[in-house]
Structures are given as C-alpha cells and as structure tokens.
C-alpha cells in the first residue's frame, strides 16, 4: 500500500506547525494509524534540532519503527542560521534528491507520513524551488495552519490562493494563540461568514482525522 502523506505548512514562521504536528501524531495514532514524521529542513540549529527532536520523541511513543532513530534521521538538512533554507544554506549544499530519498526511507516505516515544512509555502529551498514545490512533488495533501492575530485573514487568503494555483488539495485550521481575546471580534466574523466549517487546532482535529 502506498503511504499517505500530509504536508503541514503555515502562513509564515512561528505560527504553530510543530505544535500542530505533535497533536496530529497523537490523534492519528489514537485512530490506529502507524504514523511517522519527517522534518525535511530545520534552520536555526546550532547543535540540537529542537523541532525534529520533539517530533521524533512524540512519534517514538506511538511507532516502534522509529524507536532507534535519531533526530538527524528524520531531517535531511539542518543549518545554524535562522532563515529561509536558501539563505541559511550558505554553501549551497541542498540536494533535492536527498530530501526525496529521506522521504522514501521514512515512508517504509509507517502508513501515513507527516511532513512538516519550514516557514510558509513560498519559502525558498533553492533559488527556484519553494516549499510549495515540495508539497506538490510529494503529491501530499496539505494542512495549512493559520494564526489568530490581527492581519491573519489576508495571510490566510493569500496562502489559500497559492495552494489553489498549484492545484494542491488542502484543508486549513487556526492555531488560536495570539490575540486570543480579540479573535472572536476581529477575525472570526469573517471566517464564520465565508468559511462556516473552519476549525481550530484546539477544536476540530478529531473531525479532520476522521476524513482519513
């Protein structure tokens, strides 16, 4: 059986991709899935890849096939500079084939592989290859995580437009952690009017999992 892939992205950085991916690992496992995780590129890594380490730790609790792996086994590249991969890759060592090889290796260990991108959809991996290109190449369904802060409507709609332009199947959710007190007044009315089925990471994850 061909492994299913879910590509977790966001409208930008520090939106809650890793937080959401952790919740997804636990939720998929609770539904009986053999779930795996892949963090293709992590930047801002001096000696310890914090995101990959957290994701692996959670995954190891639910998938014995990941028990003996190390954080570097679930990521293809790490860079010290906290920047877009293209900028962080000062020696231009990123090889897209290596990312795909790592993806296929990890796919053998699960029946659904969660792939967490870096930053947002249009973050450059190389000069001409963006994160959205990776999602397309993986033929993965996309989960777009959006913030709850003022201005997020614009960012959400722009990201949706990009996904549609690449003909990518996607769902989306709100990570309610910024401007929580004003969200219901400043942002939610638009979502309720235009996207009545919208959901948040805090409420709605189980319904999303049930579509698999």
Protein backbone atom coordinates (compact mmCIF):
# COMPACT_ATOMS: atom_id res chain seq x y z
CA UNK A 1 0.00 0.00 0.00
CA UNK A 2 1.32 3.44 -0.94
CA UNK A 3 1.96 5.59 2.09
CA UNK A 4 -0.29 8.59 2.61
CA UNK A 5 1.38 11.94 3.10
CA UNK A 6 0.21 15.05 4.90
CA UNK A 7 2.27 18.21 4.44
CA UNK A 8 1.91 20.63 7.35
CA UNK A 9 2.61 24.24 6.41
CA UNK A 10 1.61 27.67 7.66
CA UNK A 11 1.14 31.26 6.61
CA UNK A 12 4.61 32.04 7.95
CA UNK A 13 7.06 31.19 10.71
CA UNK A 14 6.20 30.85 14.41
CA UNK A 15 2.58 30.05 13.62
CA UNK A 16 2.43 26.62 15.27
CA UNK A 17 3.39 23.98 12.70
CA UNK A 18 5.32 21.85 15.18
CA UNK A 19 2.62 22.22 17.85
CA UNK A 20 0.02 21.11 15.32
CA UNK A 21 2.15 18.24 14.01
CA UNK A 22 2.58 16.90 17.54
CA UNK A 23 -1.19 16.95 18.01
CA UNK A 24 -1.62 15.19 14.66
CA UNK A 25 0.85 12.43 15.54
CA UNK A 26 -1.10 11.69 18.72
CA UNK A 27 -4.51 11.92 17.02
CA UNK A 28 -3.59 9.67 14.09
CA UNK A 29 -2.08 7.13 16.48
CA UNK A 30 -5.24 7.15 18.58
CA UNK A 31 -7.16 6.25 15.42
CA UNK A 32 -4.93 3.24 14.84
CA UNK A 33 -2.61 4.67 12.20
CA UNK A 34 1.05 3.74 12.07
CA UNK A 35 2.21 7.34 11.87
CA UNK A 36 5.64 8.69 11.00
CA UNK A 37 7.18 12.15 10.83
CA UNK A 38 9.65 13.97 8.60
CA UNK A 39 11.16 17.44 9.03
CA UNK A 40 12.99 17.90 5.70
CA UNK A 41 14.84 21.09 6.68
CA UNK A 42 15.30 22.81 10.00
CA UNK A 43 17.11 26.12 10.32
CA UNK A 44 18.25 27.94 13.45
CA UNK A 45 20.05 24.79 14.62
CA UNK A 46 23.36 25.30 16.41
CA UNK A 47 23.91 21.87 17.88
CA UNK A 48 20.44 20.49 18.58
CA UNK A 49 17.45 20.37 16.17
CA UNK A 50 14.69 21.20 18.64
CA UNK A 51 11.72 20.72 16.31
CA UNK A 52 12.95 17.42 14.86
CA UNK A 53 13.82 16.17 18.35
CA UNK A 54 10.36 16.95 19.71
CA UNK A 55 8.60 15.42 16.73
CA UNK A 56 10.69 12.26 16.94
CA UNK A 57 10.16 11.91 20.69
CA UNK A 58 6.39 12.03 20.25
CA UNK A 59 6.49 9.70 17.25
CA UNK A 60 8.61 7.13 19.09
CA UNK A 61 5.87 6.78 21.69
CA UNK A 62 3.40 5.54 19.09
CA UNK A 63 5.50 3.90 16.35
CA UNK A 64 8.05 1.24 17.26
CA UNK A 65 9.65 1.58 13.80
CA UNK A 66 11.00 4.99 14.84
CA UNK A 67 12.35 3.79 18.21
CA UNK A 68 16.00 3.56 17.18
CA UNK A 69 16.12 6.70 15.07
CA UNK A 70 17.92 9.89 16.00
CA UNK A 71 16.72 13.44 15.20
CA UNK A 72 19.13 13.65 12.27
CA UNK A 73 17.43 10.56 10.81
CA UNK A 74 14.14 12.39 10.31
CA UNK A 75 15.60 15.50 8.72
CA UNK A 76 17.64 15.90 5.55
CA UNK A 77 19.33 19.21 6.39
CA UNK A 78 19.90 21.48 9.37
CA UNK A 79 21.52 24.92 9.30
CA UNK A 80 22.57 27.28 12.12
CA UNK A 81 21.20 30.48 10.59
CA UNK A 82 17.51 31.05 11.48
CA UNK A 83 16.43 31.95 7.97
CA UNK A 84 14.80 30.57 4.84
CA UNK A 85 16.65 27.40 3.75
CA UNK A 86 18.08 29.10 0.64
CA UNK A 87 19.59 31.86 2.80
CA UNK A 88 20.67 29.54 5.60
CA UNK A 89 22.35 27.22 3.08
CA UNK A 90 25.37 29.50 2.68
CA UNK A 91 27.43 26.78 0.96
CA UNK A 92 24.57 25.72 -1.33
CA UNK A 93 24.65 22.08 -0.34
CA UNK A 94 20.91 21.34 -0.51
CA UNK A 95 20.25 18.46 -2.88
CA UNK A 96 16.55 17.95 -3.56
CA UNK A 97 17.19 14.29 -4.37
CA UNK A 98 18.46 13.75 -0.84
CA UNK A 99 15.21 15.15 0.55
CA UNK A 100 13.19 12.78 -1.61
CA UNK A 101 15.40 9.82 -0.69
CA UNK A 102 14.89 10.55 3.01
CA UNK A 103 11.16 10.85 2.43
CA UNK A 104 11.01 7.44 0.76
CA UNK A 105 13.14 5.87 3.54
CA UNK A 106 10.80 7.11 6.26
CA UNK A 107 7.73 6.14 4.22
CA UNK A 108 8.74 2.49 4.67
CA UNK A 109 8.26 2.82 8.43
CA UNK A 110 4.64 4.00 8.53
CA UNK A 111 1.35 4.12 6.67
CA UNK A 112 0.94 7.90 6.97
CA UNK A 113 3.91 10.26 6.99
CA UNK A 114 3.54 13.77 8.37
CA UNK A 115 5.91 16.17 6.65
CA UNK A 116 6.49 19.48 8.41
CA UNK A 117 7.66 22.28 6.15
CA UNK A 118 9.84 25.23 7.07
CA UNK A 119 8.15 28.62 7.31
CA UNK A 120 5.38 29.24 4.81
CA UNK A 121 4.52 27.99 1.34
CA UNK A 122 6.68 30.38 -0.66
CA UNK A 123 9.80 29.98 1.46
CA UNK A 124 12.71 29.25 -0.90
CA UNK A 125 14.54 25.96 -0.55
CA UNK A 126 16.74 26.72 -3.54
CA UNK A 127 16.74 29.70 -5.87
CA UNK A 128 13.81 28.36 -7.88
CA UNK A 129 12.29 25.67 -5.62
CA UNK A 130 9.89 26.67 -2.86
CA UNK A 131 8.26 24.73 -0.03
CA UNK A 132 5.06 24.58 -2.06
CA UNK A 133 7.01 22.79 -4.80
CA UNK A 134 8.00 20.12 -2.29
CA UNK A 135 4.38 19.59 -1.26
CA UNK A 136 3.48 19.23 -4.92
CA UNK A 137 6.31 16.81 -5.66
CA UNK A 138 5.32 14.63 -2.70
CA UNK A 139 1.74 14.53 -4.03
CA UNK A 140 0.69 15.24 -0.47
CA UNK A 141 -2.49 16.64 0.93
CA UNK A 142 -1.71 19.92 2.67
CA UNK A 143 -2.82 21.20 6.07
CA UNK A 144 -2.41 24.97 6.29
CA UNK A 145 -2.04 26.30 9.83
CA UNK A 146 -3.04 29.94 10.21
CA UNK A 147 -2.63 32.32 13.15
CA UNK A 148 -5.29 34.15 15.16
CA UNK A 149 -3.57 37.54 15.26
CA UNK A 150 -4.75 40.73 13.62
CA UNK A 151 -3.96 40.58 9.89
CA UNK A 152 -4.29 36.83 9.60
CA UNK A 153 -7.24 36.97 7.20
CA UNK A 154 -5.04 38.45 4.49
CA UNK A 155 -2.27 35.89 5.11
CA UNK A 156 -4.76 33.03 5.13
CA UNK A 157 -6.39 34.04 1.86
CA UNK A 158 -3.05 34.56 0.14
CA UNK A 159 -1.86 31.11 1.20
CA UNK A 160 -5.11 29.54 0.02
CA UNK A 161 -4.68 31.27 -3.33
CA UNK A 162 -1.17 29.87 -3.68
CA UNK A 163 -2.35 26.35 -2.89
CA UNK A 164 -5.12 26.58 -5.45
CA UNK A 165 -2.75 27.92 -8.08
CA UNK A 166 -0.61 24.80 -7.62
CA UNK A 167 -3.71 22.60 -7.72
CA UNK A 168 -2.99 21.18 -4.26
CA UNK A 169 -5.67 19.53 -2.14
CA UNK A 170 -5.72 21.21 1.24
CA UNK A 171 -7.54 21.79 4.49
CA UNK A 172 -6.79 24.55 6.95
CA UNK A 173 -7.13 25.39 10.61
CA UNK A 174 -6.48 28.21 13.03
CA UNK A 175 -3.98 27.96 15.84
CA UNK A 176 -5.57 30.23 18.42
CA UNK A 177 -2.69 31.55 20.50
CA UNK A 178 -2.18 35.20 19.52
CA UNK A 179 -4.74 37.96 20.12
CA UNK A 180 -6.95 35.30 21.69
CA UNK A 181 -9.11 37.84 23.49
CA UNK A 182 -9.92 39.80 20.33
CA UNK A 183 -10.05 36.95 17.81
CA UNK A 184 -13.81 36.42 18.15
CA UNK A 185 -14.45 40.06 17.29
CA UNK A 186 -11.62 41.00 14.93
CA UNK A 187 -11.26 37.87 12.78
CA UNK A 188 -13.81 35.16 13.48
CA UNK A 189 -16.82 37.01 11.96
CA UNK A 190 -15.24 36.77 8.50
CA UNK A 191 -14.36 33.10 8.92
CA UNK A 192 -17.87 32.33 10.16
CA UNK A 193 -19.41 34.11 7.18
CA UNK A 194 -17.14 32.79 4.43
CA UNK A 195 -15.81 29.50 5.87
CA UNK A 196 -18.51 28.22 8.26
CA UNK A 197 -16.71 24.86 8.51
CA UNK A 198 -13.44 26.39 9.72
CA UNK A 199 -11.86 24.73 12.71
CA UNK A 200 -9.06 25.27 15.20
CA UNK A 201 -6.18 23.11 16.35
CA UNK A 202 -7.78 23.18 19.79
CA UNK A 203 -11.19 22.10 18.49
CA UNK A 204 -11.73 20.15 15.30
CA UNK A 205 -8.67 17.95 14.99
CA UNK A 206 -10.63 14.76 15.52
CA UNK A 207 -13.07 15.67 12.77
CA UNK A 208 -10.16 16.26 10.41
CA UNK A 209 -8.58 12.91 11.30
CA UNK A 210 -11.88 11.15 10.60
CA UNK A 211 -11.57 12.08 6.91
CA UNK A 212 -8.67 9.64 6.58
